[in-house]
């Protein structure tokens, strides 16, 4: 199924900036394919050279780094509208891997088109840069949590951050539930914890009636208390500003 850029349903989400006709034509020319990837299959492998850029259309994925001892550190959760592989277009190679968590469909973009993006579409290029800076700020917070917070704070923060990112994309079910297909091994690798520690932490959050994950769904029972526990401060993302490639 090849979805034309002008028919992309993600573009109707208020999170993403509207495109001019000229910009939309440029992105349409960059798109070369629309692919489906099976759950737990790699989309990008670390140290690939000259690979394409992908925009996640449907499903969930993760960016991760594999350590020399075989351990995995999840760097970020990739949600619909997020772009991955840009390092390959800019630097020629990428140092992390990307794996589908669920069945994922992705738009495939020509990496070589990014030089034309900055030369011919400066307003769109600025939005791409702003999006990357916002993601960097989010990663800074995540890194500080890994080194200076408790297990409950790390898991609570990940829950709230993911919920808010989904809400920006109109992907939450009412006011307190959302899809959450991450398994305990994923939570462990994202929060820098063992699976046993994650299990105990989830049980503690459930017993305190703060939040729970059940059958692939996150339920937040008491957002104010969960926010206080996590020390969570949402990062501002202006509606209509995020670049969707």
C-alpha atoms as a PDB file:
ATOM      1  CA  UNK A   1       0.000   0.000   0.000  1.00  0.00           C
ATOM      2  CA  UNK A   2       1.594   3.232  -1.175  1.00  0.00           C
ATOM      3  CA  UNK A   3       0.041   6.242   0.580  1.00  0.00           C
ATOM      4  CA  UNK A   4       0.396   9.508  -1.303  1.00  0.00           C
ATOM      5  CA  UNK A   5       1.781  12.344   0.813  1.00  0.00           C
ATOM      6  CA  UNK A   6      -1.192  14.598   0.107  1.00  0.00           C
ATOM      7  CA  UNK A   7      -3.505  11.843   1.394  1.00  0.00           C
ATOM      8  CA  UNK A   8      -1.513  11.086   4.564  1.00  0.00           C
ATOM      9  CA  UNK A   9      -3.901  11.094   7.561  1.00  0.00           C
ATOM     10  CA  UNK A  10      -1.083  12.133   9.911  1.00  0.00           C
ATOM     11  CA  UNK A  11      -0.964  15.533   8.226  1.00  0.00           C
ATOM     12  CA  UNK A  12      -4.401  16.289   9.639  1.00  0.00           C
ATOM     13  CA  UNK A  13      -3.115  15.978  13.218  1.00  0.00           C
ATOM     14  CA  UNK A  14      -2.719  19.376  14.869  1.00  0.00           C
ATOM     15  CA  UNK A  15       0.776  18.497  16.111  1.00  0.00           C
ATOM     16  CA  UNK A  16       2.236  18.769  12.620  1.00  0.00           C
ATOM     17  CA  UNK A  17       2.851  21.917  10.603  1.00  0.00           C
ATOM     18  CA  UNK A  18       0.914  22.448   7.376  1.00  0.00           C
ATOM     19  CA  UNK A  19       2.908  22.273   4.158  1.00  0.00           C
ATOM     20  CA  UNK A  20       2.846  24.673   1.272  1.00  0.00           C
ATOM     21  CA  UNK A  21       2.074  23.121  -2.098  1.00  0.00           C
ATOM     22  CA  UNK A  22       5.735  23.538  -3.072  1.00  0.00           C
ATOM     23  CA  UNK A  23       6.963  21.807   0.110  1.00  0.00           C
ATOM     24  CA  UNK A  24       4.496  18.958  -0.269  1.00  0.00           C
ATOM     25  CA  UNK A  25       5.650  18.420  -3.828  1.00  0.00           C
ATOM     26  CA  UNK A  26       9.252  18.235  -2.648  1.00  0.00           C
ATOM     27  CA  UNK A  27       8.487  15.643   0.055  1.00  0.00           C
ATOM     28  CA  UNK A  28       6.420  13.651  -2.437  1.00  0.00           C
ATOM     29  CA  UNK A  29       9.446  13.478  -4.734  1.00  0.00           C
ATOM     30  CA  UNK A  30      11.618  12.285  -1.825  1.00  0.00           C
ATOM     31  CA  UNK A  31       9.298   9.375  -1.011  1.00  0.00           C
ATOM     32  CA  UNK A  32      10.313   6.177  -2.793  1.00  0.00           C
ATOM     33  CA  UNK A  33       8.377   3.421  -1.025  1.00  0.00           C
ATOM     34  CA  UNK A  34       5.907   2.470   1.701  1.00  0.00           C
ATOM     35  CA  UNK A  35       6.951  -0.692   3.551  1.00  0.00           C
ATOM     36  CA  UNK A  36       5.609  -3.018   6.237  1.00  0.00           C
ATOM     37  CA  UNK A  37       7.959  -4.432   8.887  1.00  0.00           C
ATOM     38  CA  UNK A  38       7.135  -7.354  11.174  1.00  0.00           C
ATOM     39  CA  UNK A  39       7.234  -7.037  14.980  1.00  0.00           C
ATOM     40  CA  UNK A  40      10.757  -7.286  16.447  1.00  0.00           C
ATOM     41  CA  UNK A  41      12.386  -6.924  13.019  1.00  0.00           C
ATOM     42  CA  UNK A  42      15.147  -4.358  12.605  1.00  0.00           C
ATOM     43  CA  UNK A  43      14.391  -1.378  10.391  1.00  0.00           C
ATOM     44  CA  UNK A  44      17.884   0.127  10.688  1.00  0.00           C
ATOM     45  CA  UNK A  45      21.049  -1.598  11.876  1.00  0.00           C
ATOM     46  CA  UNK A  46      23.881   0.291  13.521  1.00  0.00           C
ATOM     47  CA  UNK A  47      26.771   1.242  11.215  1.00  0.00           C
ATOM     48  CA  UNK A  48      24.707   0.977   8.047  1.00  0.00           C
ATOM     49  CA  UNK A  49      26.140   3.293   5.409  1.00  0.00           C
ATOM     50  CA  UNK A  50      24.037   5.425   3.089  1.00  0.00           C
ATOM     51  CA  UNK A  51      20.681   4.020   4.173  1.00  0.00           C
ATOM     52  CA  UNK A  52      17.351   5.752   3.563  1.00  0.00           C
ATOM     53  CA  UNK A  53      15.389   7.920   5.960  1.00  0.00           C
ATOM     54  CA  UNK A  54      12.106   6.561   7.328  1.00  0.00           C
ATOM     55  CA  UNK A  55       8.987   8.185   8.731  1.00  0.00           C
ATOM     56  CA  UNK A  56       6.881   5.889  10.903  1.00  0.00           C
ATOM     57  CA  UNK A  57       3.351   5.844   9.486  1.00  0.00           C
ATOM     58  CA  UNK A  58       1.711   3.249  11.747  1.00  0.00           C
ATOM     59  CA  UNK A  59       2.849   1.142  14.689  1.00  0.00           C
ATOM     60  CA  UNK A  60       5.551   1.482  17.333  1.00  0.00           C
ATOM     61  CA  UNK A  61       9.325   1.141  17.144  1.00  0.00           C
ATOM     62  CA  UNK A  62      12.386   1.781  19.308  1.00  0.00           C
ATOM     63  CA  UNK A  63      15.804   3.311  18.773  1.00  0.00           C
ATOM     64  CA  UNK A  64      18.411   1.281  20.633  1.00  0.00           C
ATOM     65  CA  UNK A  65      22.132   0.734  21.094  1.00  0.00           C
ATOM     66  CA  UNK A  66      23.689  -2.697  21.567  1.00  0.00           C
ATOM     67  CA  UNK A  67      26.604  -2.691  24.021  1.00  0.00           C
ATOM     68  CA  UNK A  68      29.731  -4.850  23.576  1.00  0.00           C
ATOM     69  CA  UNK A  69      28.498  -7.256  26.274  1.00  0.00           C
ATOM     70  CA  UNK A  70      25.253  -7.813  24.353  1.00  0.00           C
ATOM     71  CA  UNK A  71      23.088  -5.659  26.606  1.00  0.00           C
ATOM     72  CA  UNK A  72      20.589  -3.354  24.938  1.00  0.00           C
ATOM     73  CA  UNK A  73      19.865   0.252  25.890  1.00  0.00           C
ATOM     74  CA  UNK A  74      16.671   1.693  24.439  1.00  0.00           C
ATOM     75  CA  UNK A  75      17.288   5.315  23.519  1.00  0.00           C
ATOM     76  CA  UNK A  76      13.783   6.345  22.518  1.00  0.00           C
ATOM     77  CA  UNK A  77      10.316   5.156  21.591  1.00  0.00           C
ATOM     78  CA  UNK A  78       9.409   5.911  17.981  1.00  0.00           C
ATOM     79  CA  UNK A  79       5.775   6.872  17.388  1.00  0.00           C
ATOM     80  CA  UNK A  80       3.795   7.663  14.216  1.00  0.00           C
ATOM     81  CA  UNK A  81       5.119  10.807  12.569  1.00  0.00           C
ATOM     82  CA  UNK A  82       8.650  10.371  13.941  1.00  0.00           C
ATOM     83  CA  UNK A  83      11.555  10.251  11.496  1.00  0.00           C
ATOM     84  CA  UNK A  84      14.514   7.886  11.909  1.00  0.00           C
ATOM     85  CA  UNK A  85      17.731   7.397   9.980  1.00  0.00           C
ATOM     86  CA  UNK A  86      18.431  11.080   9.459  1.00  0.00           C
ATOM     87  CA  UNK A  87      22.014  10.604  10.661  1.00  0.00           C
ATOM     88  CA  UNK A  88      22.619   8.429   7.625  1.00  0.00           C
ATOM     89  CA  UNK A  89      21.489  11.237   5.325  1.00  0.00           C
ATOM     90  CA  UNK A  90      23.547  13.897   7.105  1.00  0.00           C
ATOM     91  CA  UNK A  91      26.636  11.976   8.286  1.00  0.00           C
ATOM     92  CA  UNK A  92      26.633   8.996   5.937  1.00  0.00           C
ATOM     93  CA  UNK A  93      26.081   6.389   8.650  1.00  0.00           C
ATOM     94  CA  UNK A  94      24.044   5.786  11.788  1.00  0.00           C
ATOM     95  CA  UNK A  95      25.332   4.565  15.159  1.00  0.00           C
ATOM     96  CA  UNK A  96      22.121   3.142  16.602  1.00  0.00           C
ATOM     97  CA  UNK A  97      19.586   0.554  15.493  1.00  0.00           C
ATOM     98  CA  UNK A  98      15.823   0.860  15.056  1.00  0.00           C
ATOM     99  CA  UNK A  99      13.475  -2.068  15.645  1.00  0.00           C
ATOM    100  CA  UNK A 100       9.728  -2.448  15.181  1.00  0.00           C
ATOM    101  CA  UNK A 101       7.847  -3.284  18.384  1.00  0.00           C
ATOM    102  CA  UNK A 102       4.549  -3.912  16.628  1.00  0.00           C
ATOM    103  CA  UNK A 103       3.813  -4.399  12.960  1.00  0.00           C
ATOM    104  CA  UNK A 104       5.050  -1.113  11.539  1.00  0.00           C
ATOM    105  CA  UNK A 105       4.488   0.671   8.254  1.00  0.00           C
ATOM    106  CA  UNK A 106       6.990   3.290   7.164  1.00  0.00           C
ATOM    107  CA  UNK A 107       7.471   5.861   4.436  1.00  0.00           C
ATOM    108  CA  UNK A 108      10.886   5.516   2.786  1.00  0.00           C
ATOM    109  CA  UNK A 109      12.607   8.777   1.821  1.00  0.00           C
ATOM    110  CA  UNK A 110      15.698   9.411  -0.279  1.00  0.00           C
ATOM    111  CA  UNK A 111      18.411  10.555   2.088  1.00  0.00           C
ATOM    112  CA  UNK A 112      20.198  12.530  -0.606  1.00  0.00           C
ATOM    113  CA  UNK A 113      17.203  14.850  -0.830  1.00  0.00           C
ATOM    114  CA  UNK A 114      18.085  16.464   2.503  1.00  0.00           C
ATOM    115  CA  UNK A 115      20.745  18.678   0.950  1.00  0.00           C
ATOM    116  CA  UNK A 116      18.042  20.096  -1.318  1.00  0.00           C
ATOM    117  CA  UNK A 117      15.751  20.519   1.685  1.00  0.00           C
ATOM    118  CA  UNK A 118      18.078  23.006   3.371  1.00  0.00           C
ATOM    119  CA  UNK A 119      18.943  24.751   0.119  1.00  0.00           C
ATOM    120  CA  UNK A 120      15.467  25.072  -1.350  1.00  0.00           C
ATOM    121  CA  UNK A 121      13.040  24.976   1.580  1.00  0.00           C
ATOM    122  CA  UNK A 122      14.549  26.924   4.507  1.00  0.00           C
ATOM    123  CA  UNK A 123      11.277  27.268   6.463  1.00  0.00           C
ATOM    124  CA  UNK A 124      10.698  23.510   6.405  1.00  0.00           C
ATOM    125  CA  UNK A 125      14.371  22.887   7.187  1.00  0.00           C
ATOM    126  CA  UNK A 126      14.066  25.138  10.247  1.00  0.00           C
ATOM    127  CA  UNK A 127      11.090  23.102  11.456  1.00  0.00           C
ATOM    128  CA  UNK A 128      13.090  19.900  11.000  1.00  0.00           C
ATOM    129  CA  UNK A 129      15.871  21.432  13.103  1.00  0.00           C
ATOM    130  CA  UNK A 130      13.407  22.582  15.781  1.00  0.00           C
ATOM    131  CA  UNK A 131      11.962  19.079  15.938  1.00  0.00           C
ATOM    132  CA  UNK A 132      15.412  17.567  16.425  1.00  0.00           C
ATOM    133  CA  UNK A 133      16.242  20.072  19.183  1.00  0.00           C
ATOM    134  CA  UNK A 134      12.992  19.246  21.008  1.00  0.00           C
ATOM    135  CA  UNK A 135      13.865  15.557  20.812  1.00  0.00           C
ATOM    136  CA  UNK A 136      17.353  16.295  22.138  1.00  0.00           C
ATOM    137  CA  UNK A 137      15.858  18.124  25.124  1.00  0.00           C
ATOM    138  CA  UNK A 138      13.638  15.128  25.835  1.00  0.00           C
ATOM    139  CA  UNK A 139      16.666  12.828  25.668  1.00  0.00           C
ATOM    140  CA  UNK A 140      18.558  15.084  28.094  1.00  0.00           C
ATOM    141  CA  UNK A 141      15.792  14.618  30.656  1.00  0.00           C
ATOM    142  CA  UNK A 142      15.767  10.859  30.080  1.00  0.00           C
ATOM    143  CA  UNK A 143      19.536  10.656  30.569  1.00  0.00           C
ATOM    144  CA  UNK A 144      19.406  12.593  33.833  1.00  0.00           C
ATOM    145  CA  UNK A 145      16.703  10.240  35.108  1.00  0.00           C
ATOM    146  CA  UNK A 146      18.817   7.174  34.383  1.00  0.00           C
ATOM    147  CA  UNK A 147      21.557   8.489  36.616  1.00  0.00           C
ATOM    148  CA  UNK A 148      19.662  10.315  39.346  1.00  0.00           C
ATOM    149  CA  UNK A 149      16.231   8.790  40.002  1.00  0.00           C
ATOM    150  CA  UNK A 150      14.547   5.749  41.519  1.00  0.00           C
ATOM    151  CA  UNK A 151      13.023   2.882  39.567  1.00  0.00           C
ATOM    152  CA  UNK A 152       9.496   4.140  40.262  1.00  0.00           C
ATOM    153  CA  UNK A 153      10.408   7.623  39.057  1.00  0.00           C
ATOM    154  CA  UNK A 154      11.918   6.287  35.827  1.00  0.00           C
ATOM    155  CA  UNK A 155       8.935   4.100  34.961  1.00  0.00           C
ATOM    156  CA  UNK A 156       6.412   6.766  35.974  1.00  0.00           C
ATOM    157  CA  UNK A 157       8.181   9.370  33.842  1.00  0.00           C
ATOM    158  CA  UNK A 158       8.269   7.029  30.840  1.00  0.00           C
ATOM    159  CA  UNK A 159       4.540   6.371  31.226  1.00  0.00           C
ATOM    160  CA  UNK A 160       3.648  10.058  31.391  1.00  0.00           C
ATOM    161  CA  UNK A 161       5.970  11.122  28.596  1.00  0.00           C
ATOM    162  CA  UNK A 162       4.683   8.416  26.259  1.00  0.00           C
ATOM    163  CA  UNK A 163       1.063   9.171  27.135  1.00  0.00           C
ATOM    164  CA  UNK A 164       1.539  12.864  26.355  1.00  0.00           C
ATOM    165  CA  UNK A 165       3.302  12.144  23.069  1.00  0.00           C
ATOM    166  CA  UNK A 166       0.400   9.905  22.058  1.00  0.00           C
ATOM    167  CA  UNK A 167      -2.145  12.516  23.129  1.00  0.00           C
ATOM    168  CA  UNK A 168      -0.447  15.065  20.866  1.00  0.00           C
ATOM    169  CA  UNK A 169      -1.074  12.605  18.033  1.00  0.00           C
ATOM    170  CA  UNK A 170      -4.732  12.022  19.024  1.00  0.00           C
ATOM    171  CA  UNK A 171      -3.905   8.404  19.918  1.00  0.00           C
ATOM    172  CA  UNK A 172      -5.197   8.168  23.497  1.00  0.00           C
ATOM    173  CA  UNK A 173      -8.384   6.368  24.515  1.00  0.00           C
ATOM    174  CA  UNK A 174     -10.230   8.931  26.576  1.00  0.00           C
ATOM    175  CA  UNK A 175      -8.502  10.836  29.326  1.00  0.00           C
ATOM    176  CA  UNK A 176      -6.467   8.176  31.081  1.00  0.00           C
ATOM    177  CA  UNK A 177      -5.720   5.169  28.834  1.00  0.00           C
ATOM    178  CA  UNK A 178      -3.588   4.631  25.762  1.00  0.00           C
ATOM    179  CA  UNK A 179      -2.015   1.791  23.785  1.00  0.00           C
ATOM    180  CA  UNK A 180       1.235   0.594  25.347  1.00  0.00           C
ATOM    181  CA  UNK A 181       2.709  -2.455  23.578  1.00  0.00           C
ATOM    182  CA  UNK A 182       6.092  -2.313  25.322  1.00  0.00           C
ATOM    183  CA  UNK A 183       6.948  -5.517  27.161  1.00  0.00           C
ATOM    184  CA  UNK A 184       8.777  -5.731  30.477  1.00  0.00           C
ATOM    185  CA  UNK A 185      12.073  -6.375  28.700  1.00  0.00           C
ATOM    186  CA  UNK A 186      11.543  -3.133  26.761  1.00  0.00           C
ATOM    187  CA  UNK A 187      10.777  -1.174  29.918  1.00  0.00           C
ATOM    188  CA  UNK A 188      13.854  -2.673  31.563  1.00  0.00           C
ATOM    189  CA  UNK A 189      16.104  -1.666  28.670  1.00  0.00           C
ATOM    190  CA  UNK A 190      14.572   1.816  28.479  1.00  0.00           C
ATOM    191  CA  UNK A 191      14.833   2.503  32.217  1.00  0.00           C
ATOM    192  CA  UNK A 192      18.154   0.783  32.908  1.00  0.00           C
ATOM    193  CA  UNK A 193      16.602  -1.807  35.219  1.00  0.00           C
ATOM    194  CA  UNK A 194      16.362  -5.580  35.445  1.00  0.00           C
ATOM    195  CA  UNK A 195      13.127  -7.272  34.394  1.00  0.00           C
ATOM    196  CA  UNK A 196      12.569  -8.380  37.983  1.00  0.00           C
ATOM    197  CA  UNK A 197      12.944  -4.790  39.181  1.00  0.00           C
ATOM    198  CA  UNK A 198      10.500  -3.620  36.506  1.00  0.00           C
ATOM    199  CA  UNK A 199       7.953  -6.234  37.594  1.00  0.00           C
ATOM    200  CA  UNK A 200       8.215  -5.102  41.220  1.00  0.00           C
ATOM    201  CA  UNK A 201       7.950  -1.454  40.216  1.00  0.00           C
ATOM    202  CA  UNK A 202       4.842  -2.023  38.097  1.00  0.00           C
ATOM    203  CA  UNK A 203       3.247  -3.938  40.949  1.00  0.00           C
ATOM    204  CA  UNK A 204       4.027  -1.096  43.364  1.00  0.00           C
ATOM    205  CA  UNK A 205       2.481   1.488  41.030  1.00  0.00           C
ATOM    206  CA  UNK A 206      -0.602  -0.693  40.625  1.00  0.00           C
ATOM    207  CA  UNK A 207      -1.008  -1.290  44.360  1.00  0.00           C
ATOM    208  CA  UNK A 208      -0.739   2.447  45.031  1.00  0.00           C
ATOM    209  CA  UNK A 209      -3.442   3.041  42.391  1.00  0.00           C
ATOM    210  CA  UNK A 210      -1.181   5.277  40.338  1.00  0.00           C
ATOM    211  CA  UNK A 211      -0.970   3.396  37.028  1.00  0.00           C
ATOM    212  CA  UNK A 212      -0.873  -0.059  35.498  1.00  0.00           C
ATOM    213  CA  UNK A 213      -0.086  -1.766  32.203  1.00  0.00           C
ATOM    214  CA  UNK A 214      -2.550  -4.484  31.296  1.00  0.00           C
ATOM    215  CA  UNK A 215      -2.895  -6.350  27.991  1.00  0.00           C
ATOM    216  CA  UNK A 216      -1.003  -3.747  25.999  1.00  0.00           C
ATOM    217  CA  UNK A 217      -2.841  -0.786  27.514  1.00  0.00           C
ATOM    218  CA  UNK A 218      -1.542   1.850  29.921  1.00  0.00           C
ATOM    219  CA  UNK A 219      -4.062   3.088  32.479  1.00  0.00           C
ATOM    220  CA  UNK A 220      -3.204   6.142  34.559  1.00  0.00           C
ATOM    221  CA  UNK A 221      -5.371   6.135  37.689  1.00  0.00           C
ATOM    222  CA  UNK A 222      -4.067   9.266  39.394  1.00  0.00           C
ATOM    223  CA  UNK A 223      -2.123  11.599  37.131  1.00  0.00           C
ATOM    224  CA  UNK A 224      -1.382  14.305  39.738  1.00  0.00           C
ATOM    225  CA  UNK A 225       0.198  11.818  42.135  1.00  0.00           C
ATOM    226  CA  UNK A 226       2.039  10.001  39.340  1.00  0.00           C
ATOM    227  CA  UNK A 227       3.361  13.343  38.078  1.00  0.00           C
ATOM    228  CA  UNK A 228       4.551  14.284  41.557  1.00  0.00           C
ATOM    229  CA  UNK A 229       6.278  10.934  41.982  1.00  0.00           C
ATOM    230  CA  UNK A 230       8.079  11.224  38.638  1.00  0.00           C
ATOM    231  CA  UNK A 231       8.920  14.903  38.977  1.00  0.00           C
ATOM    232  CA  UNK A 232       7.483  15.107  35.478  1.00  0.00           C
ATOM    233  CA  UNK A 233       7.401  18.429  33.651  1.00  0.00           C
ATOM    234  CA  UNK A 234       5.990  18.211  30.108  1.00  0.00           C
ATOM    235  CA  UNK A 235       8.211  19.731  27.459  1.00  0.00           C
ATOM    236  CA  UNK A 236       6.396  22.305  25.373  1.00  0.00           C
ATOM    237  CA  UNK A 237       5.759  21.296  21.768  1.00  0.00           C
ATOM    238  CA  UNK A 238       3.878  23.941  19.833  1.00  0.00           C
ATOM    239  CA  UNK A 239       0.937  22.576  17.859  1.00  0.00           C
ATOM    240  CA  UNK A 240       1.374  22.970  14.138  1.00  0.00           C
ATOM    241  CA  UNK A 241       5.166  23.297  14.326  1.00  0.00           C
ATOM    242  CA  UNK A 242       6.543  19.762  14.240  1.00  0.00           C
ATOM    243  CA  UNK A 243       7.882  18.732  10.851  1.00  0.00           C
ATOM    244  CA  UNK A 244       6.312  15.632   9.286  1.00  0.00           C
ATOM    245  CA  UNK A 245       8.427  14.237   6.469  1.00  0.00           C
END
